[in-house]
C-alpha atoms as a PDB file:
ATOM      1  CA  UNK A   1      -2.656 -77.913 -46.773  1.00  0.00           C
ATOM      2  CA  UNK A   2      -0.776 -80.457 -48.991  1.00  0.00           C
ATOM      3  CA  UNK A   3       2.833 -80.636 -50.029  1.00  0.00           C
ATOM      4  CA  UNK A   4       2.401 -78.779 -53.310  1.00  0.00           C
ATOM      5  CA  UNK A   5       0.531 -75.831 -51.682  1.00  0.00           C
ATOM      6  CA  UNK A   6       3.369 -75.577 -49.066  1.00  0.00           C
ATOM      7  CA  UNK A   7       6.041 -75.518 -51.870  1.00  0.00           C
ATOM      8  CA  UNK A   8       4.015 -72.886 -53.772  1.00  0.00           C
ATOM      9  CA  UNK A   9       3.590 -70.757 -50.605  1.00  0.00           C
ATOM     10  CA  UNK A  10       7.201 -70.989 -50.046  1.00  0.00           C
ATOM     11  CA  UNK A  11       8.196 -69.882 -53.543  1.00  0.00           C
ATOM     12  CA  UNK A  12       5.841 -66.758 -53.115  1.00  0.00           C
ATOM     13  CA  UNK A  13       7.424 -65.688 -49.816  1.00  0.00           C
ATOM     14  CA  UNK A  14      10.918 -66.246 -51.431  1.00  0.00           C
ATOM     15  CA  UNK A  15       9.989 -64.243 -54.500  1.00  0.00           C
ATOM     16  CA  UNK A  16       8.424 -61.607 -51.969  1.00  0.00           C
ATOM     17  CA  UNK A  17      11.832 -61.326 -50.258  1.00  0.00           C
ATOM     18  CA  UNK A  18      13.891 -61.051 -53.552  1.00  0.00           C
ATOM     19  CA  UNK A  19      11.517 -58.310 -54.482  1.00  0.00           C
ATOM     20  CA  UNK A  20      12.186 -56.582 -51.202  1.00  0.00           C
ATOM     21  CA  UNK A  21      16.082 -56.915 -51.511  1.00  0.00           C
ATOM     22  CA  UNK A  22      15.872 -55.385 -55.123  1.00  0.00           C
ATOM     23  CA  UNK A  23      14.025 -52.447 -53.559  1.00  0.00           C
ATOM     24  CA  UNK A  24      16.778 -52.331 -50.860  1.00  0.00           C
ATOM     25  CA  UNK A  25      19.574 -52.271 -53.540  1.00  0.00           C
ATOM     26  CA  UNK A  26      17.710 -49.516 -55.322  1.00  0.00           C
ATOM     27  CA  UNK A  27      17.486 -47.426 -52.240  1.00  0.00           C
ATOM     28  CA  UNK A  28      20.996 -48.024 -51.221  1.00  0.00           C
ATOM     29  CA  UNK A  29      21.990 -46.787 -54.830  1.00  0.00           C
ATOM     30  CA  UNK A  30      19.979 -43.667 -54.553  1.00  0.00           C
ATOM     31  CA  UNK A  31      21.525 -42.685 -51.138  1.00  0.00           C
ATOM     32  CA  UNK A  32      24.915 -43.738 -52.482  1.00  0.00           C
ATOM     33  CA  UNK A  33      24.445 -41.299 -55.509  1.00  0.00           C
ATOM     34  CA  UNK A  34      22.941 -38.535 -53.318  1.00  0.00           C
ATOM     35  CA  UNK A  35      25.890 -38.574 -51.009  1.00  0.00           C
ATOM     36  CA  UNK A  36      28.558 -38.771 -53.774  1.00  0.00           C
ATOM     37  CA  UNK A  37      26.778 -35.802 -55.813  1.00  0.00           C
ATOM     38  CA  UNK A  38      26.484 -33.688 -52.579  1.00  0.00           C
ATOM     39  CA  UNK A  39      30.221 -34.353 -51.605  1.00  0.00           C
ATOM     40  CA  UNK A  40      31.701 -33.811 -55.091  1.00  0.00           C
ATOM     41  CA  UNK A  41      29.769 -30.522 -55.506  1.00  0.00           C
ATOM     42  CA  UNK A  42      31.242 -29.184 -52.155  1.00  0.00           C
ATOM     43  CA  UNK A  43      34.731 -30.401 -53.450  1.00  0.00           C
ATOM     44  CA  UNK A  44      34.466 -28.706 -56.639  1.00  0.00           C
ATOM     45  CA  UNK A  45      33.211 -25.370 -54.929  1.00  0.00           C
ATOM     46  CA  UNK A  46      36.216 -25.577 -52.511  1.00  0.00           C
ATOM     47  CA  UNK A  47      38.702 -26.092 -55.277  1.00  0.00           C
ATOM     48  CA  UNK A  48      37.165 -23.195 -57.152  1.00  0.00           C
ATOM     49  CA  UNK A  49      37.561 -20.964 -54.107  1.00  0.00           C
ATOM     50  CA  UNK A  50      41.195 -22.104 -53.456  1.00  0.00           C
ATOM     51  CA  UNK A  51      42.188 -21.270 -57.094  1.00  0.00           C
ATOM     52  CA  UNK A  52      40.206 -18.067 -57.622  1.00  0.00           C
ATOM     53  CA  UNK A  53      40.037 -16.678 -54.014  1.00  0.00           C
ATOM     54  CA  UNK A  54      36.374 -16.003 -54.554  1.00  0.00           C
ATOM     55  CA  UNK A  55      33.597 -17.730 -53.352  1.00  0.00           C
ATOM     56  CA  UNK A  56      30.661 -18.066 -55.821  1.00  0.00           C
ATOM     57  CA  UNK A  57      27.346 -18.647 -53.780  1.00  0.00           C
ATOM     58  CA  UNK A  58      25.333 -21.538 -55.061  1.00  0.00           C
ATOM     59  CA  UNK A  59      21.604 -21.139 -56.079  1.00  0.00           C
ATOM     60  CA  UNK A  60      19.583 -21.132 -52.881  1.00  0.00           C
ATOM     61  CA  UNK A  61      17.208 -23.762 -54.376  1.00  0.00           C
ATOM     62  CA  UNK A  62      18.728 -25.566 -57.338  1.00  0.00           C
ATOM     63  CA  UNK A  63      22.068 -26.725 -56.444  1.00  0.00           C
ATOM     64  CA  UNK A  64      23.875 -30.181 -56.168  1.00  0.00           C
ATOM     65  CA  UNK A  65      23.818 -30.329 -52.450  1.00  0.00           C
ATOM     66  CA  UNK A  66      20.027 -30.269 -52.534  1.00  0.00           C
ATOM     67  CA  UNK A  67      19.818 -32.647 -55.173  1.00  0.00           C
ATOM     68  CA  UNK A  68      22.073 -35.112 -53.182  1.00  0.00           C
ATOM     69  CA  UNK A  69      20.146 -34.516 -50.051  1.00  0.00           C
ATOM     70  CA  UNK A  70      16.799 -35.078 -52.007  1.00  0.00           C
ATOM     71  CA  UNK A  71      18.246 -38.248 -53.405  1.00  0.00           C
ATOM     72  CA  UNK A  72      19.394 -39.490 -49.660  1.00  0.00           C
ATOM     73  CA  UNK A  73      15.900 -38.786 -48.394  1.00  0.00           C
ATOM     74  CA  UNK A  74      14.174 -40.528 -51.286  1.00  0.00           C
ATOM     75  CA  UNK A  75      16.298 -43.605 -50.756  1.00  0.00           C
ATOM     76  CA  UNK A  76      15.508 -43.731 -47.096  1.00  0.00           C
ATOM     77  CA  UNK A  77      11.808 -43.254 -48.032  1.00  0.00           C
ATOM     78  CA  UNK A  78      12.234 -46.006 -50.548  1.00  0.00           C
ATOM     79  CA  UNK A  79      13.325 -48.317 -47.829  1.00  0.00           C
ATOM     80  CA  UNK A  80      10.271 -47.549 -45.577  1.00  0.00           C
ATOM     81  CA  UNK A  81       7.941 -48.106 -48.606  1.00  0.00           C
ATOM     82  CA  UNK A  82       9.897 -51.302 -49.695  1.00  0.00           C
ATOM     83  CA  UNK A  83       9.403 -52.756 -45.974  1.00  0.00           C
ATOM     84  CA  UNK A  84       5.598 -51.593 -45.998  1.00  0.00           C
ATOM     85  CA  UNK A  85       5.070 -53.259 -49.499  1.00  0.00           C
ATOM     86  CA  UNK A  86       7.005 -56.426 -48.201  1.00  0.00           C
ATOM     87  CA  UNK A  87       4.665 -56.769 -45.311  1.00  0.00           C
ATOM     88  CA  UNK A  88       1.449 -55.940 -47.284  1.00  0.00           C
ATOM     89  CA  UNK A  89       2.447 -58.716 -49.856  1.00  0.00           C
ATOM     90  CA  UNK A  90       3.553 -61.293 -47.021  1.00  0.00           C
ATOM     91  CA  UNK A  91       0.049 -60.804 -45.297  1.00  0.00           C
ATOM     92  CA  UNK A  92      -1.774 -61.199 -48.737  1.00  0.00           C
ATOM     93  CA  UNK A  93       0.038 -64.304 -49.326  1.00  0.00           C
ATOM     94  CA  UNK A  94      -0.789 -65.690 -46.054  1.00  0.00           C
ATOM     95  CA  UNK A  95      -4.409 -64.899 -46.453  1.00  0.00           C
ATOM     96  CA  UNK A  96      -4.486 -66.235 -50.085  1.00  0.00           C
ATOM     97  CA  UNK A  97      -5.668 -63.187 -51.785  1.00  0.00           C
ATOM     98  CA  UNK A  98      -2.467 -61.456 -53.286  1.00  0.00           C
ATOM     99  CA  UNK A  99      -3.341 -58.449 -55.483  1.00  0.00           C
ATOM    100  CA  UNK A 100      -0.399 -57.008 -57.451  1.00  0.00           C
ATOM    101  CA  UNK A 101       0.046 -53.293 -57.220  1.00  0.00           C
ATOM    102  CA  UNK A 102       1.748 -50.898 -59.644  1.00  0.00           C
ATOM    103  CA  UNK A 103       1.322 -47.830 -57.591  1.00  0.00           C
ATOM    104  CA  UNK A 104       4.762 -47.903 -55.875  1.00  0.00           C
ATOM    105  CA  UNK A 105       6.432 -48.604 -59.181  1.00  0.00           C
ATOM    106  CA  UNK A 106       5.077 -45.436 -60.803  1.00  0.00           C
ATOM    107  CA  UNK A 107       5.772 -43.385 -57.667  1.00  0.00           C
ATOM    108  CA  UNK A 108       9.539 -44.543 -57.695  1.00  0.00           C
ATOM    109  CA  UNK A 109       9.705 -44.208 -61.329  1.00  0.00           C
ATOM    110  CA  UNK A 110       8.247 -40.766 -61.344  1.00  0.00           C
ATOM    111  CA  UNK A 111      10.357 -39.514 -58.555  1.00  0.00           C
ATOM    112  CA  UNK A 112      13.659 -40.796 -60.149  1.00  0.00           C
ATOM    113  CA  UNK A 113      12.523 -39.216 -63.559  1.00  0.00           C
ATOM    114  CA  UNK A 114      11.890 -35.798 -61.695  1.00  0.00           C
ATOM    115  CA  UNK A 115      15.141 -35.729 -59.801  1.00  0.00           C
ATOM    116  CA  UNK A 116      17.018 -36.702 -63.142  1.00  0.00           C
ATOM    117  CA  UNK A 117      15.449 -33.885 -65.024  1.00  0.00           C
ATOM    118  CA  UNK A 118      16.383 -31.538 -62.031  1.00  0.00           C
ATOM    119  CA  UNK A 119      19.911 -32.644 -62.304  1.00  0.00           C
ATOM    120  CA  UNK A 120      20.155 -31.644 -66.063  1.00  0.00           C
ATOM    121  CA  UNK A 121      20.393 -28.009 -65.394  1.00  0.00           C
ATOM    122  CA  UNK A 122      22.882 -28.340 -62.585  1.00  0.00           C
ATOM    123  CA  UNK A 123      25.193 -30.027 -65.161  1.00  0.00           C
ATOM    124  CA  UNK A 124      24.585 -27.332 -67.793  1.00  0.00           C
ATOM    125  CA  UNK A 125      24.836 -24.320 -65.290  1.00  0.00           C
ATOM    126  CA  UNK A 126      28.231 -25.585 -64.108  1.00  0.00           C
ATOM    127  CA  UNK A 127      29.716 -25.103 -67.560  1.00  0.00           C
ATOM    128  CA  UNK A 128      27.635 -21.990 -68.626  1.00  0.00           C
ATOM    129  CA  UNK A 129      27.765 -20.265 -65.355  1.00  0.00           C
ATOM    130  CA  UNK A 130      30.474 -17.887 -66.573  1.00  0.00           C
ATOM    131  CA  UNK A 131      32.736 -18.649 -63.614  1.00  0.00           C
ATOM    132  CA  UNK A 132      36.120 -17.421 -63.906  1.00  0.00           C
ATOM    133  CA  UNK A 133      38.602 -19.833 -65.594  1.00  0.00           C
ATOM    134  CA  UNK A 134      41.312 -21.406 -62.988  1.00  0.00           C
ATOM    135  CA  UNK A 135      44.530 -19.579 -63.448  1.00  0.00           C
ATOM    136  CA  UNK A 136      47.681 -21.662 -63.901  1.00  0.00           C
ATOM    137  CA  UNK A 137      49.668 -22.537 -60.783  1.00  0.00           C
ATOM    138  CA  UNK A 138      52.789 -20.449 -60.630  1.00  0.00           C
ATOM    139  CA  UNK A 139      56.078 -22.159 -59.367  1.00  0.00           C
ATOM    140  CA  UNK A 140      57.815 -20.735 -56.369  1.00  0.00           C
ATOM    141  CA  UNK A 141      61.309 -21.290 -55.730  1.00  0.00           C
END
């Protein structure tokens, strides 16, 4: 193996590592968004209960907690897929038979689109759910 081939192979491995790190950042963002959505939804529900003294049960399937958990699970799955893909590309580079694949890109994009579409009704239902308005706080002396 001559010097140019060594440098080219090194660049390919570095590009593979950068791609893995990009997947990892995406997964961490998904986990962070999922955690934030789930926690903020719980906070809003507790705030509404504190002001209205009524606890409105969330929809059993379509609620922000489930969306948040789904994003966290998908983020963890993305990390596993990214590690698997990194290893596949690493082996292909070593063998000299790299083949690009767009399957994981389409899976990730499709899942994020589906989760995004599922979040739209959650935002709209919160405003139109007919929840009682929060009464003003009375000052007590």
